[in-house]
Protein backbone atom coordinates (compact mmCIF):
# COMPACT_ATOMS: atom_id res chain seq x y z
CA MET A 1 128.91 104.51 100.51
CA GLY A 2 126.65 107.58 100.54
CA GLU A 3 123.29 107.11 102.20
CA HIS A 4 119.98 108.60 101.16
CA MET A 5 118.72 111.37 103.40
CA SER A 6 116.22 110.56 106.13
CA ASP A 7 112.84 112.29 105.84
CA LYS A 8 113.83 114.73 108.58
CA LYS A 9 117.15 115.59 106.96
CA LEU A 10 115.48 115.99 103.59
CA LYS A 11 112.97 118.45 105.02
CA ASN A 12 115.73 120.44 106.71
CA TYR A 13 117.67 120.38 103.45
CA TYR A 14 114.80 121.91 101.48
CA ASP A 15 114.01 124.36 104.28
CA GLU A 16 117.55 125.72 103.98
CA ILE A 17 117.23 126.03 100.20
CA TYR A 18 114.04 128.08 100.45
CA LYS A 19 115.17 130.00 103.53
CA LYS A 20 118.29 131.21 101.75
CA GLY A 21 116.52 131.82 98.44
CA LYS A 22 118.68 129.30 96.59
CA ARG A 23 115.96 127.59 94.56
CA ASP A 24 117.51 128.47 91.21
CA GLU A 25 120.93 127.18 92.30
CA HIS A 26 119.60 123.83 93.51
CA PHE A 27 116.91 122.82 91.02
CA LEU A 28 118.34 122.00 87.60
CA LYS A 29 115.09 122.93 85.87
CA TYR A 30 115.60 126.57 86.91
CA ARG A 31 119.21 126.73 85.68
CA ASP A 32 120.51 129.59 83.60
CA GLY A 33 117.57 131.84 84.35
CA ILE A 34 114.83 129.47 83.20
CA ASP A 35 111.58 131.12 84.30
CA ILE A 36 108.99 128.45 83.53
CA PRO A 37 110.28 124.86 83.90
CA LEU A 38 109.72 122.57 80.94
CA ASP A 39 107.52 120.16 82.90
CA HIS A 40 105.30 123.10 83.87
CA LYS A 41 105.02 124.10 80.21
CA ILE A 42 103.91 120.60 79.22
CA ALA A 43 101.37 120.59 82.06
CA ASN A 44 99.99 123.94 80.93
CA GLU A 45 99.59 122.61 77.39
CA TRP A 46 97.73 119.53 78.58
CA ILE A 47 95.48 121.55 80.85
CA ALA A 48 94.67 123.88 77.94
CA GLU A 49 93.62 120.85 75.90
CA HIS A 50 90.89 120.27 78.52
CA LYS A 51 89.47 123.80 78.43
CA ASN A 52 86.06 122.47 77.35
CA CYS A 53 85.83 120.52 80.61
CA GLU A 54 85.22 123.79 82.49
CA TYR A 55 87.57 122.95 85.33
CA SER A 56 87.48 125.32 88.31
CA SER A 57 89.91 123.93 90.88
CA VAL A 58 93.57 122.94 91.02
CA MET A 59 95.78 121.49 93.74
CA ASP A 60 99.58 121.36 93.49
CA PHE A 61 101.19 118.89 95.87
CA GLY A 62 104.76 119.84 96.75
CA CYS A 63 104.11 123.33 95.44
CA GLY A 64 107.35 124.91 96.66
CA GLU A 65 107.21 128.67 96.18
CA GLY A 66 103.96 128.43 94.22
CA GLU A 67 105.42 129.03 90.76
CA PHE A 68 102.91 126.80 88.99
CA LEU A 69 99.80 127.96 90.83
CA THR A 70 100.46 131.65 90.28
CA ASN A 71 99.98 131.07 86.55
CA MET A 72 96.65 129.30 87.00
CA SER A 73 93.41 131.27 86.66
CA TYR A 74 91.07 128.81 88.36
CA LYS A 75 88.71 129.98 91.11
CA ASP A 76 90.11 127.53 93.65
CA ARG A 77 93.89 127.16 93.85
CA ILE A 78 95.41 125.08 96.64
CA GLY A 79 99.08 124.40 97.30
CA LEU A 80 100.57 121.89 99.74
CA ASP A 81 104.18 121.79 100.85
CA TYR A 82 106.00 120.72 103.99
CA SER A 83 108.39 123.67 103.98
CA ASP A 84 106.99 126.70 105.76
CA PHE A 85 109.84 128.76 104.28
CA ALA A 86 108.68 127.84 100.76
CA LEU A 87 105.07 128.70 101.60
CA ASP A 88 106.08 132.06 103.05
CA ARG A 89 107.66 132.92 99.72
CA ALA A 90 104.62 131.57 97.88
CA ARG A 91 102.24 133.78 99.87
CA GLU A 92 104.37 136.82 99.11
CA LYS A 93 103.87 136.17 95.39
CA ASP A 94 100.08 135.67 95.53
CA SER A 95 98.06 135.87 98.73
CA SER A 96 94.85 134.80 96.95
CA ILE A 97 96.07 131.20 96.74
CA GLU A 98 95.35 128.90 99.69
CA TYR A 99 98.54 127.32 100.97
CA ILE A 100 98.60 124.46 103.44
CA LEU A 101 101.63 123.29 105.41
CA SER A 102 101.52 119.51 105.00
CA ASP A 103 103.30 116.44 103.72
CA GLU A 104 101.68 113.43 102.04
CA ASN A 105 100.12 112.35 105.33
CA GLY A 106 97.85 115.38 105.23
CA LEU A 107 96.25 114.50 101.89
CA CYS A 108 93.58 112.46 103.67
CA ASN A 109 92.48 115.60 105.52
CA LEU A 110 91.44 117.37 102.33
CA ASN A 111 87.70 116.75 102.32
CA ARG A 112 87.15 117.91 98.76
CA SER A 113 87.99 116.98 95.19
CA PHE A 114 89.94 118.86 92.55
CA ASP A 115 89.60 119.03 88.78
CA VAL A 116 93.33 119.34 88.22
CA ILE A 117 95.99 117.88 90.50
CA THR A 118 99.68 118.40 89.86
CA SER A 119 102.90 117.29 91.52
CA PHE A 120 106.28 118.07 90.01
CA GLY A 121 109.41 116.25 91.15
CA VAL A 122 107.97 115.04 94.43
CA LEU A 123 107.16 111.32 94.32
CA GLU A 124 110.81 110.25 94.07
CA HIS A 125 111.50 111.80 97.49
CA ILE A 126 108.58 110.23 99.36
CA PRO A 127 108.84 106.96 101.35
CA ASP A 128 105.74 105.45 99.71
CA PRO A 129 105.18 106.94 96.23
CA LYS A 130 102.53 104.35 95.37
CA SER A 131 100.30 105.26 98.30
CA THR A 132 100.83 108.97 97.68
CA LEU A 133 99.95 108.78 93.99
CA ARG A 134 96.84 106.78 94.78
CA SER A 135 95.86 109.42 97.35
CA LEU A 136 96.22 112.12 94.72
CA VAL A 137 94.06 110.15 92.29
CA LYS A 138 91.45 109.67 95.00
CA LEU A 139 91.24 113.47 95.41
CA CYS A 140 90.73 113.98 91.68
CA SER A 141 87.22 114.63 90.38
CA LYS A 142 85.61 112.00 88.13
CA ASN A 143 86.47 113.78 84.89
CA GLY A 144 89.54 115.51 86.26
CA ILE A 145 93.21 114.99 85.48
CA VAL A 146 96.38 114.33 87.44
CA ILE A 147 99.74 115.52 86.09
CA ILE A 148 102.98 114.42 87.70
CA SER A 149 106.64 114.59 86.78
CA CYS A 150 109.56 112.47 87.99
CA PRO A 151 113.21 112.11 87.03
CA SER A 152 113.62 109.74 84.10
CA PHE A 153 116.47 107.31 83.52
CA LEU A 154 115.54 106.06 80.05
CA ASN A 155 118.57 107.76 78.50
CA ILE A 156 122.40 107.70 78.46
CA ARG A 157 122.62 109.64 81.70
CA GLY A 158 120.15 107.28 83.32
CA VAL A 159 122.03 104.14 82.28
CA ILE A 160 125.23 105.49 83.86
CA TRP A 161 123.27 106.58 86.93
CA MET A 162 121.48 103.26 87.45
CA THR A 163 124.63 101.21 86.78
CA LEU A 164 126.34 102.91 89.70
CA GLN A 165 123.22 102.77 91.85
CA LEU A 166 122.30 99.12 91.28
CA LEU A 167 125.67 97.43 90.77
CA PHE A 168 127.84 99.43 93.13
CA ASP A 169 125.35 101.05 95.52
CA VAL A 170 126.67 104.50 94.65
CA PRO A 171 123.81 107.02 94.87
CA MET A 172 123.99 109.86 92.37
CA SER A 173 121.46 111.79 94.44
CA LEU A 174 121.10 111.56 98.20
CA SER A 175 117.63 113.11 98.09
CA ASP A 176 116.04 110.65 95.62
CA LYS A 177 114.64 107.55 97.34
CA HIS A 178 113.11 106.02 94.19
CA PHE A 179 113.92 105.74 90.49
CA LEU A 180 110.49 105.64 88.92
CA THR A 181 109.72 104.43 85.41
CA PRO A 182 106.50 104.37 83.38
CA LYS A 183 106.05 100.74 84.46
CA ASN A 184 106.12 101.79 88.12
CA ILE A 185 103.50 104.47 87.52
CA GLU A 186 101.29 101.99 85.66
CA LEU A 187 101.46 99.54 88.57
CA PHE A 188 100.79 102.28 91.13
CA LEU A 189 97.60 103.24 89.26
CA ASP A 190 96.27 99.69 88.91
CA GLY A 191 92.73 99.50 90.23
CA THR A 192 92.29 103.27 90.72
CA GLY A 193 90.07 103.78 87.68
CA LYS A 194 92.61 106.10 86.09
CA LYS A 195 95.64 105.35 83.94
CA ILE A 196 98.46 107.03 82.05
CA PHE A 197 96.75 108.80 79.16
CA LYS A 198 100.01 110.09 77.71
CA MET A 199 103.54 110.87 78.75
CA GLN A 200 106.36 113.02 77.48
CA SER A 201 109.85 113.66 78.73
CA VAL A 202 111.55 117.04 78.83
CA ASP A 203 115.12 118.36 78.81
CA ASN A 204 117.19 116.16 76.53
CA GLU A 205 119.91 118.78 76.97
CA VAL A 206 120.64 117.35 80.41
CA THR A 207 120.54 113.67 79.48
CA GLN A 208 122.49 113.62 76.23
CA GLY A 209 122.71 117.17 74.99
CA ASP A 210 124.93 120.18 75.49
CA TYR A 211 124.41 120.28 79.28
CA PHE A 212 125.19 116.60 79.80
CA ALA A 213 128.95 116.93 80.27
CA LYS A 214 128.79 119.80 82.75
CA ASP A 215 126.18 118.12 84.93
CA MET A 216 127.47 114.54 84.90
CA LYS A 217 131.14 115.38 85.39
CA LYS A 218 130.32 117.05 88.69
CA ARG A 219 127.84 114.37 89.78
CA LEU A 220 130.07 111.42 88.94
CA THR A 221 133.17 112.93 90.48
CA ASN A 222 131.38 113.71 93.75
CA ALA A 223 129.47 110.41 93.93
CA LEU A 224 132.55 108.26 93.39
CA SER A 225 134.55 110.32 95.86
CA ASP A 226 131.83 109.97 98.51
CA ALA A 227 131.90 106.21 97.94
CA SER A 228 135.71 106.10 98.27
CA LEU A 229 136.01 104.88 94.68
CA PRO A 230 138.50 106.19 92.10
CA ASN A 231 137.19 109.09 90.06
CA ASP A 232 140.26 109.97 88.02
CA LYS A 233 138.76 108.59 84.80
CA VAL A 234 135.39 110.34 84.97
CA GLU A 235 136.45 112.82 82.32
CA LEU A 236 137.36 109.99 79.91
CA LEU A 237 133.82 108.60 80.16
CA ILE A 238 132.17 111.99 79.82
CA ASP A 239 134.32 112.91 76.82
CA TRP A 240 133.51 109.58 75.12
CA VAL A 241 129.76 110.02 75.59
CA ASP A 242 129.91 113.69 74.63
CA SER A 243 131.84 113.03 71.43
CA ASN A 244 129.42 110.29 70.33
CA LYS A 245 126.09 111.68 71.55
CA GLU A 246 124.93 112.49 68.03
CA TYR A 247 124.64 108.74 67.38
CA PHE A 248 122.42 108.01 70.36
CA ASN A 249 118.69 108.14 69.91
CA SER A 250 117.07 111.30 71.28
CA ASN A 251 113.28 111.56 71.35
CA ASP A 252 110.25 112.48 73.45
CA LEU A 253 111.06 109.75 75.98
CA THR A 254 114.78 110.35 76.56
CA GLY A 255 114.68 113.59 78.55
CA SER A 256 115.70 114.03 82.19
CA ASN A 257 112.13 114.28 83.50
CA MET A 258 109.05 112.33 82.49
CA VAL A 259 105.71 114.10 82.65
CA TYR A 260 102.58 111.96 82.95
CA LEU A 261 98.97 112.85 82.20
CA ILE A 262 96.68 110.59 84.21
CA LYS A 263 92.95 110.45 83.62
């Protein structure tokens, strides 16, 4: 069976992606020339809804190459990432942003608060997502907001994914350590003084739309092969789902990534 990457291997894996400039090839949300990821767009909309709060600071945890921060106009913009290759690219884009080389263990060293805290596609890779989310909330100002996104499995793609993961111990992603749901996030926030204010998923195209077949055929074939299980009937399953997808419910909660507004 395939095994999830150790923290060290995962860091080396992402270092290679950023070092070789292969971000767009690796991250599905940048596929086909997508400039601004859908979870970033939702975050921007929610931040705009709080314009009367006169926020002045933002911190993006797991900022990568700084794509989100470069579009923010706040006075104080801070980005944290554990890949120095990613931060080098981020600094090339905008040297006015403060970038800090750090993983989740460095959050306790930030002796300040932030009005807006974001983290996109990070918690699922971290050994202790509960502790990390609570650390982010602790750094948030009293009237501030936290916006996070995580892969979502509340869809056709997710049911197939979790069936293999939970019944047969076949990981569909070696980099994901956790499969977080809204219930998990609610429990993580218990006692912090903040809660999920609203949530919305993005990218139904990946979960049960036109991109579903292309993505899942490759994932299923590779995952079953790695687990030494037969994969000769993957195409039958994909074709069945693809030909009947119009009958499956598709809404704001069935996309491939769930975005949470916490306040």
